[in-house]
């Protein structure tokens, strides 16, 4: 019987084992702090040692607190060739598979949980309405502790939302809207405060740009974010370069995180080298700090125990795995997460979008004519080589970028399913599918541009002024 708790350890991924060791370590500390009976503490310690042994056997390395197995994720896509592996970290997303990254394998590797039908149904019951199509279609596909957030909500306990944007260029593309559109929906259905971090400091550290240019991009990007329709009374947008100098609470949390993460740990998590500037090494603590309500005393009235929910693309998860590891050690609740898939480049899901390549995506500044030209000329097709073959064998929606984009932006489920059927039967040609996408994207981008025109510098200033929001804490 003594070994029964370990019977399932062989089936765990290295990251899941790492998290089990971390949780058991926290349990041992809590038992000791609470002066629990000696036999109870001894049993917990034996379990901890057993878990550490399993971790070493699986990974070939000793467990180190706060240093998960290396996060430069290599996922084999069912082949043995090295070039056929996916690589995912906060700065790079590479796959040679035309379908895109294998997200089921990514869930296993990162140790997160799949957003399944049960969770979607529970969200629907909690909010009393149909869940967002990003949830229904698996665009947000993975989570950490969303069940805890729903527990809190059902028990009338508060939580808040946190998301962000790294302002690397003046023009954002439609893929950048995904986390904001979903966050806006979450804010409306749950009626909670939202903080949006603009990491202009990060972009200055990583990119070849002046600090003034990074700050300018942050304010320009804020206009696009505000144009998504966020409520000014419930939303605080902040630039790190501005807010860090004005908030003692924010800076204190940064320092607490910095104290509990070693240089070796950030090297292991983020792949930093000895030649990286010290600003990069300390930056993860700045992205971690908004996960704690005490970073915003003006909003939460100084309360420190309010849980945070972070909607983001899954490449940002290493930051928050680090945060979740540190949180209990500085007396803070762990942030919960909702992860989205990556938005594909027009040239195909295996290529990377780039702000320096205007043809890699549809930008929020594009004219109707530019949108039409880009889709017709650059959108990767899942069609056959000839019309005859296409009519006979049908197209492949799994690799067709126009269909992928419609999955994000066409809200009508029935229409999307109908397009899939006629495309895969060969009845619909890829040129006709591109026409549907053009007719979907042109009004969407034009409407965004109209809303953005209404966002004045004064409105940006109001959103970015630290202040109390329309909630009582």
Protein backbone atom coordinates (compact mmCIF):
# COMPACT_ATOMS: atom_id res chain seq x y z
CA UNK A 1 0.00 0.00 0.00
CA UNK A 2 2.88 2.34 0.71
CA UNK A 3 3.59 2.68 -2.99
CA UNK A 4 -0.02 3.16 -4.10
CA UNK A 5 0.15 6.98 -4.39
CA UNK A 6 2.96 6.51 -6.89
CA UNK A 7 1.28 3.96 -9.13
CA UNK A 8 0.35 6.58 -11.71
CA UNK A 9 3.64 8.53 -11.68
CA UNK A 10 5.01 6.73 -14.73
CA UNK A 11 2.21 8.18 -16.85
CA UNK A 12 2.98 11.79 -15.88
CA UNK A 13 4.92 14.18 -18.11
CA UNK A 14 8.11 15.75 -16.71
CA UNK A 15 6.25 19.00 -16.11
CA UNK A 16 3.36 17.29 -14.34
CA UNK A 17 5.87 15.49 -12.12
CA UNK A 18 7.59 18.81 -11.44
CA UNK A 19 4.28 20.33 -10.35
CA UNK A 20 3.51 17.31 -8.13
CA UNK A 21 6.88 17.71 -6.37
CA UNK A 22 6.25 21.45 -5.93
CA UNK A 23 2.78 20.88 -4.47
CA UNK A 24 4.07 18.18 -2.12
CA UNK A 25 6.85 20.52 -0.96
CA UNK A 26 4.25 23.18 -0.17
CA UNK A 27 2.25 20.57 1.75
CA UNK A 28 5.29 19.60 3.85
CA UNK A 29 6.01 23.25 4.65
CA UNK A 30 2.38 23.82 5.63
CA UNK A 31 2.34 20.75 7.90
CA UNK A 32 5.54 21.86 9.62
CA UNK A 33 4.30 25.43 10.00
CA UNK A 34 1.04 24.14 11.46
CA UNK A 35 2.92 21.84 13.89
CA UNK A 36 1.11 18.77 12.56
CA UNK A 37 1.70 15.35 14.23
CA UNK A 38 5.19 13.92 13.57
CA UNK A 39 3.92 10.79 11.79
CA UNK A 40 1.85 12.93 9.39
CA UNK A 41 4.88 15.13 8.58
CA UNK A 42 7.10 12.04 8.14
CA UNK A 43 4.61 10.47 5.70
CA UNK A 44 4.44 13.70 3.68
CA UNK A 45 8.26 13.92 3.59
CA UNK A 46 8.52 10.28 2.39
CA UNK A 47 6.04 11.08 -0.38
CA UNK A 48 8.09 14.15 -1.31
CA UNK A 49 11.32 12.12 -1.53
CA UNK A 50 9.55 9.48 -3.62
CA UNK A 51 8.26 12.14 -6.03
CA UNK A 52 11.72 13.69 -6.31
CA UNK A 53 13.17 10.26 -7.13
CA UNK A 54 10.52 9.74 -9.85
CA UNK A 55 11.33 13.19 -11.24
CA UNK A 56 15.07 12.39 -11.38
CA UNK A 57 14.41 8.99 -12.99
CA UNK A 58 12.18 10.59 -15.66
CA UNK A 59 14.25 13.70 -16.45
CA UNK A 60 17.78 12.66 -15.52
CA UNK A 61 18.15 15.75 -13.34
CA UNK A 62 17.57 16.68 -9.73
CA UNK A 63 14.43 18.66 -8.86
CA UNK A 64 15.13 22.37 -8.34
CA UNK A 65 12.38 24.60 -6.98
CA UNK A 66 11.16 27.08 -9.57
CA UNK A 67 13.14 25.44 -12.39
CA UNK A 68 10.77 23.32 -14.49
CA UNK A 69 12.09 21.00 -17.20
CA UNK A 70 13.36 23.18 -20.03
CA UNK A 71 10.54 25.16 -21.62
CA UNK A 72 11.97 25.32 -25.13
CA UNK A 73 9.24 22.92 -26.16
CA UNK A 74 10.05 20.26 -28.72
CA UNK A 75 7.06 18.17 -29.62
CA UNK A 76 7.46 15.30 -32.04
CA UNK A 77 4.68 15.37 -34.63
CA UNK A 78 4.63 11.61 -35.10
CA UNK A 79 7.89 11.57 -37.07
CA UNK A 80 11.50 10.96 -36.16
CA UNK A 81 13.08 13.68 -38.26
CA UNK A 82 14.36 16.56 -36.15
CA UNK A 83 13.14 19.18 -38.61
CA UNK A 84 9.57 17.89 -38.16
CA UNK A 85 9.38 18.96 -34.51
CA UNK A 86 7.44 21.91 -33.09
CA UNK A 87 9.31 24.60 -31.19
CA UNK A 88 7.37 26.91 -28.88
CA UNK A 89 8.69 29.53 -26.47
CA UNK A 90 7.63 33.14 -25.66
CA UNK A 91 9.51 34.46 -28.70
CA UNK A 92 9.39 31.64 -31.27
CA UNK A 93 6.72 29.40 -32.71
CA UNK A 94 7.91 26.96 -35.38
CA UNK A 95 6.31 23.89 -36.90
CA UNK A 96 6.80 22.08 -40.17
CA UNK A 97 3.24 20.72 -40.07
CA UNK A 98 0.82 22.53 -42.41
CA UNK A 99 -1.96 21.93 -39.86
CA UNK A 100 0.02 23.94 -37.31
CA UNK A 101 1.29 23.06 -33.83
CA UNK A 102 0.08 19.79 -32.27
CA UNK A 103 -1.84 21.29 -29.34
CA UNK A 104 -2.71 17.96 -27.69
CA UNK A 105 0.99 17.22 -27.35
CA UNK A 106 1.61 20.77 -26.16
CA UNK A 107 -0.94 20.28 -23.35
CA UNK A 108 0.90 17.14 -22.25
CA UNK A 109 4.30 18.84 -22.44
CA UNK A 110 3.21 21.97 -20.58
CA UNK A 111 1.15 20.00 -18.05
CA UNK A 112 -1.99 22.11 -18.51
CA UNK A 113 -5.57 20.81 -18.78
CA UNK A 114 -7.67 20.51 -21.91
CA UNK A 115 -10.80 22.69 -22.06
CA UNK A 116 -13.31 19.88 -22.48
CA UNK A 117 -17.07 19.77 -23.02
CA UNK A 118 -17.71 19.50 -19.28
CA UNK A 119 -15.85 22.74 -18.56
CA UNK A 120 -17.55 24.56 -21.45
CA UNK A 121 -20.96 23.38 -20.17
CA UNK A 122 -20.07 24.54 -16.67
CA UNK A 123 -19.13 28.00 -18.00
CA UNK A 124 -22.46 28.11 -19.84
CA UNK A 125 -24.35 27.27 -16.64
CA UNK A 126 -22.40 29.88 -14.66
CA UNK A 127 -23.02 32.75 -17.09
CA UNK A 128 -26.47 31.70 -18.28
CA UNK A 129 -25.68 32.07 -21.96
CA UNK A 130 -23.97 30.33 -24.89
CA UNK A 131 -20.16 30.35 -24.53
CA UNK A 132 -18.04 32.38 -26.95
CA UNK A 133 -17.30 30.70 -30.28
CA UNK A 134 -13.58 30.77 -29.36
CA UNK A 135 -14.44 28.26 -26.62
CA UNK A 136 -16.88 26.23 -28.69
CA UNK A 137 -14.35 25.83 -31.54
CA UNK A 138 -11.30 25.06 -29.42
CA UNK A 139 -9.53 28.35 -30.17
CA UNK A 140 -9.11 28.66 -26.40
CA UNK A 141 -8.20 25.03 -25.78
CA UNK A 142 -6.23 24.70 -22.56
CA UNK A 143 -6.45 26.02 -19.00
CA UNK A 144 -4.99 26.07 -15.53
CA UNK A 145 -7.42 26.23 -12.58
CA UNK A 146 -10.42 27.59 -14.50
CA UNK A 147 -12.52 25.32 -12.30
CA UNK A 148 -11.27 27.27 -9.24
CA UNK A 149 -12.30 30.55 -10.86
CA UNK A 150 -15.79 29.14 -11.47
CA UNK A 151 -15.94 27.89 -7.87
CA UNK A 152 -15.18 31.43 -6.70
CA UNK A 153 -17.70 32.99 -9.07
CA UNK A 154 -20.46 30.57 -8.03
CA UNK A 155 -19.72 31.41 -4.38
CA UNK A 156 -19.93 35.16 -5.08
CA UNK A 157 -16.19 35.62 -4.54
CA UNK A 158 -14.42 38.17 -6.76
CA UNK A 159 -11.72 37.57 -9.36
CA UNK A 160 -10.18 39.79 -12.01
CA UNK A 161 -8.80 39.52 -15.54
CA UNK A 162 -5.28 40.30 -16.70
CA UNK A 163 -3.95 40.20 -20.26
CA UNK A 164 -1.37 42.15 -22.19
CA UNK A 165 0.39 43.17 -25.35
CA UNK A 166 4.03 43.64 -26.28
CA UNK A 167 3.98 46.81 -28.42
CA UNK A 168 6.60 45.92 -31.02
CA UNK A 169 5.11 47.95 -33.88
CA UNK A 170 2.58 50.70 -34.53
CA UNK A 171 0.25 48.51 -36.59
CA UNK A 172 -1.39 45.48 -35.00
CA UNK A 173 -2.78 42.64 -37.11
CA UNK A 174 -6.09 40.79 -36.75
CA UNK A 175 -4.40 37.95 -34.84
CA UNK A 176 -3.49 40.39 -32.08
CA UNK A 177 -7.21 40.99 -31.51
CA UNK A 178 -7.93 37.39 -30.45
CA UNK A 179 -7.02 37.62 -26.74
CA UNK A 180 -8.66 41.05 -26.47
CA UNK A 181 -11.94 40.04 -28.10
CA UNK A 182 -12.14 37.03 -25.80
CA UNK A 183 -11.11 39.02 -22.71
CA UNK A 184 -13.80 41.60 -23.48
CA UNK A 185 -16.40 38.82 -23.62
CA UNK A 186 -15.15 37.36 -20.32
CA UNK A 187 -15.28 40.78 -18.68
CA UNK A 188 -18.86 41.34 -19.83
CA UNK A 189 -20.29 37.93 -18.87
CA UNK A 190 -18.57 37.75 -15.47
CA UNK A 191 -18.64 41.54 -14.77
CA UNK A 192 -15.13 41.80 -13.34
CA UNK A 193 -12.24 44.30 -13.38
CA UNK A 194 -9.60 44.02 -16.10
CA UNK A 195 -5.96 45.14 -16.19
CA UNK A 196 -4.05 45.24 -19.48
CA UNK A 197 -0.25 45.40 -19.38
CA UNK A 198 1.66 47.04 -22.25
CA UNK A 199 5.23 45.74 -21.98
CA UNK A 200 7.02 48.63 -23.66
CA UNK A 201 10.00 47.96 -21.39
CA UNK A 202 10.25 44.40 -22.76
CA UNK A 203 10.24 45.59 -26.37
CA UNK A 204 12.97 48.14 -25.65
CA UNK A 205 15.10 45.38 -24.07
CA UNK A 206 14.54 42.83 -26.85
CA UNK A 207 14.22 44.96 -29.99
CA UNK A 208 16.41 47.48 -31.74
CA UNK A 209 14.31 50.51 -30.85
CA UNK A 210 14.59 53.57 -28.64
CA UNK A 211 12.78 53.72 -25.31
CA UNK A 212 10.74 56.65 -26.66
CA UNK A 213 9.62 54.61 -29.68
CA UNK A 214 8.59 51.65 -27.47
CA UNK A 215 6.54 54.02 -25.31
CA UNK A 216 4.92 55.58 -28.38
CA UNK A 217 3.97 52.15 -29.75
CA UNK A 218 2.37 51.31 -26.39
CA UNK A 219 0.05 54.31 -26.64
CA UNK A 220 -0.77 53.60 -30.29
CA UNK A 221 -1.53 49.95 -29.50
CA UNK A 222 -3.70 51.10 -26.58
CA UNK A 223 -5.95 52.85 -29.14
CA UNK A 224 -6.48 49.57 -31.01
CA UNK A 225 -7.19 47.77 -27.72
CA UNK A 226 -9.67 50.43 -26.58
CA UNK A 227 -11.35 50.20 -30.02
CA UNK A 228 -12.33 46.60 -29.15
CA UNK A 229 -14.97 48.20 -26.92
CA UNK A 230 -13.68 47.88 -23.37
CA UNK A 231 -15.59 49.68 -20.60
CA UNK A 232 -13.49 52.58 -19.27
CA UNK A 233 -15.10 52.23 -15.84
CA UNK A 234 -13.98 48.62 -15.50
CA UNK A 235 -10.63 48.57 -17.34
CA UNK A 236 -7.15 49.84 -16.47
CA UNK A 237 -4.52 49.86 -19.24
CA UNK A 238 -0.96 50.58 -18.19
CA UNK A 239 2.48 50.96 -19.73
CA UNK A 240 5.25 49.40 -17.64
CA UNK A 241 7.45 52.45 -18.30
CA UNK A 242 4.73 54.67 -16.77
CA UNK A 243 3.16 52.56 -14.04
CA UNK A 244 6.25 51.06 -12.44
CA UNK A 245 7.39 54.48 -11.29
CA UNK A 246 4.07 55.35 -9.66
CA UNK A 247 2.96 52.15 -7.88
CA UNK A 248 4.72 50.95 -4.75
CA UNK A 249 2.48 47.85 -4.71
CA UNK A 250 3.51 46.87 -8.25
CA UNK A 251 7.21 47.32 -7.55
CA UNK A 252 7.07 45.44 -4.23
CA UNK A 253 5.57 42.41 -5.99
CA UNK A 254 8.24 42.58 -8.71
CA UNK A 255 10.96 42.52 -6.03
CA UNK A 256 9.29 39.64 -4.17
CA UNK A 257 9.22 37.57 -7.36
CA UNK A 258 12.81 38.52 -8.18
CA UNK A 259 13.96 37.34 -4.74
CA UNK A 260 12.37 33.90 -5.22
CA UNK A 261 13.64 33.12 -8.75
CA UNK A 262 17.33 32.45 -9.34
CA UNK A 263 19.41 33.24 -12.41
CA UNK A 264 19.70 29.49 -13.08
CA UNK A 265 15.93 29.17 -13.00
CA UNK A 266 15.24 31.93 -15.53
CA UNK A 267 17.98 30.50 -17.75
CA UNK A 268 16.23 27.13 -17.59
CA UNK A 269 12.75 28.52 -18.18
CA UNK A 270 13.48 31.15 -20.83
CA UNK A 271 16.79 30.05 -22.36
CA UNK A 272 18.66 33.22 -21.35
CA UNK A 273 22.44 33.13 -21.76
CA UNK A 274 25.31 34.84 -19.98
CA UNK A 275 25.48 37.38 -22.81
CA UNK A 276 21.87 38.55 -22.36
CA UNK A 277 21.46 41.96 -20.74
CA UNK A 278 20.35 41.94 -17.08
CA UNK A 279 17.12 43.69 -18.09
CA UNK A 280 15.95 40.54 -19.90
CA UNK A 281 16.79 38.37 -16.90
CA UNK A 282 14.73 40.51 -14.53
CA UNK A 283 11.82 41.14 -16.93
CA UNK A 284 9.79 37.96 -16.19
CA UNK A 285 9.11 39.30 -12.69
CA UNK A 286 7.51 42.40 -14.27
CA UNK A 287 5.15 40.25 -16.36
CA UNK A 288 4.38 38.17 -13.25
CA UNK A 289 3.46 41.08 -10.95
CA UNK A 290 0.03 42.00 -12.46
CA UNK A 291 -1.09 38.47 -11.49
CA UNK A 292 -1.37 39.74 -7.90
CA UNK A 293 -4.17 42.09 -6.87
CA UNK A 294 -1.86 43.97 -4.49
CA UNK A 295 -0.12 45.40 -7.59
CA UNK A 296 -3.26 47.53 -8.05
CA UNK A 297 -4.16 48.95 -4.61
CA UNK A 298 -6.27 51.69 -6.22
CA UNK A 299 -8.55 49.05 -7.77
CA UNK A 300 -8.66 46.40 -5.05
CA UNK A 301 -8.47 48.61 -1.98
CA UNK A 302 -5.22 46.95 -0.91
CA UNK A 303 -6.67 43.41 -0.85
CA UNK A 304 -4.11 40.71 -1.66
CA UNK A 305 -6.20 37.54 -1.94
CA UNK A 306 -8.17 38.14 -5.14
CA UNK A 307 -7.47 35.51 -7.80
CA UNK A 308 -6.46 36.50 -11.29
CA UNK A 309 -7.52 34.87 -14.59
CA UNK A 310 -5.18 35.37 -17.55
CA UNK A 311 -6.38 34.77 -21.15
CA UNK A 312 -3.30 34.54 -23.40
CA UNK A 313 -1.68 32.59 -26.23
CA UNK A 314 -0.01 29.45 -24.92
CA UNK A 315 3.50 30.66 -25.81
CA UNK A 316 3.21 33.04 -22.81
CA UNK A 317 2.64 30.13 -20.42
CA UNK A 318 6.29 29.85 -19.22
CA UNK A 319 5.97 33.31 -17.58
CA UNK A 320 2.96 32.18 -15.62
CA UNK A 321 4.28 28.73 -14.73
CA UNK A 322 7.09 30.63 -13.04
CA UNK A 323 4.52 32.94 -11.42
CA UNK A 324 2.40 30.03 -10.19
CA UNK A 325 5.48 28.43 -8.64
CA UNK A 326 6.45 31.63 -6.81
CA UNK A 327 2.93 32.70 -5.73
CA UNK A 328 2.51 30.44 -2.63
CA UNK A 329 5.99 31.39 -1.41
CA UNK A 330 5.09 35.09 -1.34
CA UNK A 331 1.62 34.50 0.11
CA UNK A 332 -0.34 35.11 -3.09
CA UNK A 333 -2.99 33.02 -4.90
CA UNK A 334 -1.82 31.31 -8.09
CA UNK A 335 -3.16 32.93 -11.27
CA UNK A 336 -5.49 30.82 -13.42
CA UNK A 337 -5.00 30.72 -17.21
CA UNK A 338 -6.92 30.23 -20.43
CA UNK A 339 -4.67 29.45 -23.41
CA UNK A 340 -5.41 30.17 -27.05
CA UNK A 341 -3.98 28.54 -30.17
CA UNK A 342 -1.68 30.54 -32.43
CA UNK A 343 -3.12 32.65 -35.21
CA UNK A 344 -1.75 31.38 -38.55
CA UNK A 345 0.15 33.47 -41.07
CA UNK A 346 -1.53 33.89 -44.45
CA UNK A 347 1.16 31.74 -46.01
CA UNK A 348 0.22 28.78 -43.80
CA UNK A 349 0.13 27.60 -40.20
CA UNK A 350 3.76 26.45 -40.38
CA UNK A 351 5.08 29.96 -41.12
CA UNK A 352 5.41 32.83 -38.68
CA UNK A 353 3.62 36.14 -38.90
CA UNK A 354 5.90 39.12 -38.83
CA UNK A 355 5.18 42.83 -38.45
CA UNK A 356 8.05 43.41 -40.88
CA UNK A 357 6.28 41.34 -43.57
CA UNK A 358 3.03 43.14 -44.45
CA UNK A 359 1.85 40.13 -46.46
CA UNK A 360 2.05 37.69 -43.53
CA UNK A 361 -1.27 38.83 -42.09
CA UNK A 362 -4.17 41.27 -42.40
CA UNK A 363 -3.27 44.41 -40.50
CA UNK A 364 -5.77 46.66 -38.75
CA UNK A 365 -4.60 49.52 -40.99
CA UNK A 366 -5.27 47.66 -44.28
CA UNK A 367 -7.71 49.05 -46.84
CA UNK A 368 -10.50 46.86 -48.31
CA UNK A 369 -8.43 46.58 -51.51
CA UNK A 370 -5.29 45.49 -49.59
CA UNK A 371 -7.32 42.86 -47.71
CA UNK A 372 -8.71 41.46 -50.94
CA UNK A 373 -5.30 41.38 -52.64
CA UNK A 374 -3.56 39.75 -49.66
CA UNK A 375 -6.14 36.99 -49.30
CA UNK A 376 -6.34 36.25 -53.02
CA UNK A 377 -2.58 36.32 -53.51
CA UNK A 378 -1.11 34.97 -50.25
CA UNK A 379 -3.70 32.89 -48.34
CA UNK A 380 -2.45 29.29 -48.38
CA UNK A 381 -4.99 27.04 -50.10
CA UNK A 382 -6.20 23.60 -49.11
CA UNK A 383 -7.45 23.00 -52.62
CA UNK A 384 -6.23 20.47 -55.17
CA UNK A 385 -3.81 21.16 -58.00
CA UNK A 386 -6.55 21.30 -60.62
CA UNK A 387 -10.27 22.11 -60.59
CA UNK A 388 -10.99 18.58 -61.84
CA UNK A 389 -9.10 17.01 -58.91
CA UNK A 390 -10.71 19.42 -56.46
CA UNK A 391 -14.21 18.55 -57.68
CA UNK A 392 -13.37 14.85 -57.44
CA UNK A 393 -11.45 14.65 -54.13
CA UNK A 394 -12.45 17.86 -52.31
CA UNK A 395 -10.30 20.37 -50.42
CA UNK A 396 -8.50 20.10 -47.07
CA UNK A 397 -9.87 22.56 -44.50
CA UNK A 398 -7.22 21.48 -41.97
CA UNK A 399 -4.52 23.35 -43.91
CA UNK A 400 -6.61 25.98 -45.73
CA UNK A 401 -5.78 29.37 -44.21
CA UNK A 402 -9.00 31.02 -45.42
CA UNK A 403 -10.99 28.40 -43.51
CA UNK A 404 -8.73 28.81 -40.46
CA UNK A 405 -9.35 32.58 -40.46
CA UNK A 406 -13.11 32.03 -40.80
CA UNK A 407 -12.94 29.75 -37.74
CA UNK A 408 -11.73 32.79 -35.80
CA UNK A 409 -13.92 35.50 -37.31
CA UNK A 410 -17.11 33.97 -38.75
CA UNK A 411 -19.48 33.78 -35.78
CA UNK A 412 -22.25 31.74 -37.47
CA UNK A 413 -21.62 28.07 -36.54
CA UNK A 414 -24.04 26.70 -39.13
CA UNK A 415 -22.51 28.76 -41.94
CA UNK A 416 -18.99 27.65 -40.98
CA UNK A 417 -20.00 23.98 -40.93
CA UNK A 418 -21.74 24.36 -44.30
CA UNK A 419 -18.60 25.93 -45.82
CA UNK A 420 -16.50 23.05 -44.46
CA UNK A 421 -18.81 20.46 -45.99
CA UNK A 422 -18.97 22.03 -49.46
CA UNK A 423 -15.21 22.68 -49.46
CA UNK A 424 -14.37 19.10 -48.49
CA UNK A 425 -16.89 17.69 -50.97
CA UNK A 426 -15.28 19.66 -53.81
CA UNK A 427 -18.43 21.68 -54.46
CA UNK A 428 -16.78 24.92 -53.23
CA UNK A 429 -13.54 26.06 -54.88
CA UNK A 430 -10.78 27.73 -52.87
CA UNK A 431 -11.27 30.97 -54.78
CA UNK A 432 -14.89 30.99 -53.64
CA UNK A 433 -13.84 30.33 -50.04
CA UNK A 434 -11.38 33.22 -50.25
CA UNK A 435 -14.26 35.42 -51.42
CA UNK A 436 -16.22 34.52 -48.26
CA UNK A 437 -13.20 35.43 -46.13
CA UNK A 438 -12.74 38.76 -47.95
CA UNK A 439 -16.43 39.58 -47.37
CA UNK A 440 -15.99 38.71 -43.68
CA UNK A 441 -12.75 40.60 -43.02
CA UNK A 442 -13.35 43.83 -44.97
CA UNK A 443 -16.30 45.05 -42.84
CA UNK A 444 -14.68 43.77 -39.63
CA UNK A 445 -11.46 45.75 -40.19
CA UNK A 446 -13.35 48.82 -41.48
CA UNK A 447 -15.56 48.85 -38.37
CA UNK A 448 -12.48 48.59 -36.16
CA UNK A 449 -10.86 51.50 -37.98
CA UNK A 450 -13.98 53.63 -37.44
CA UNK A 451 -14.01 52.87 -33.70
CA UNK A 452 -10.28 53.60 -33.46
CA UNK A 453 -10.77 57.03 -35.03
CA UNK A 454 -13.00 57.90 -32.07
CA UNK A 455 -10.25 57.05 -29.56
CA UNK A 456 -8.57 60.36 -28.73
CA UNK A 457 -5.33 60.89 -26.80
CA UNK A 458 -7.51 62.11 -23.93
CA UNK A 459 -9.46 58.82 -23.86
CA UNK A 460 -6.16 56.89 -23.85
CA UNK A 461 -5.00 59.02 -20.93
CA UNK A 462 -8.19 58.24 -18.98
CA UNK A 463 -7.83 54.48 -19.53
CA UNK A 464 -4.16 54.67 -18.48
CA UNK A 465 -4.64 56.78 -15.34
CA UNK A 466 -4.35 54.70 -12.11
CA UNK A 467 -7.75 55.00 -10.45
CA UNK A 468 -10.57 53.22 -8.69
CA UNK A 469 -12.81 51.21 -11.01
CA UNK A 470 -16.56 50.58 -10.77
CA UNK A 471 -16.19 47.79 -8.19
CA UNK A 472 -16.19 47.70 -4.39
CA UNK A 473 -13.57 45.62 -2.59
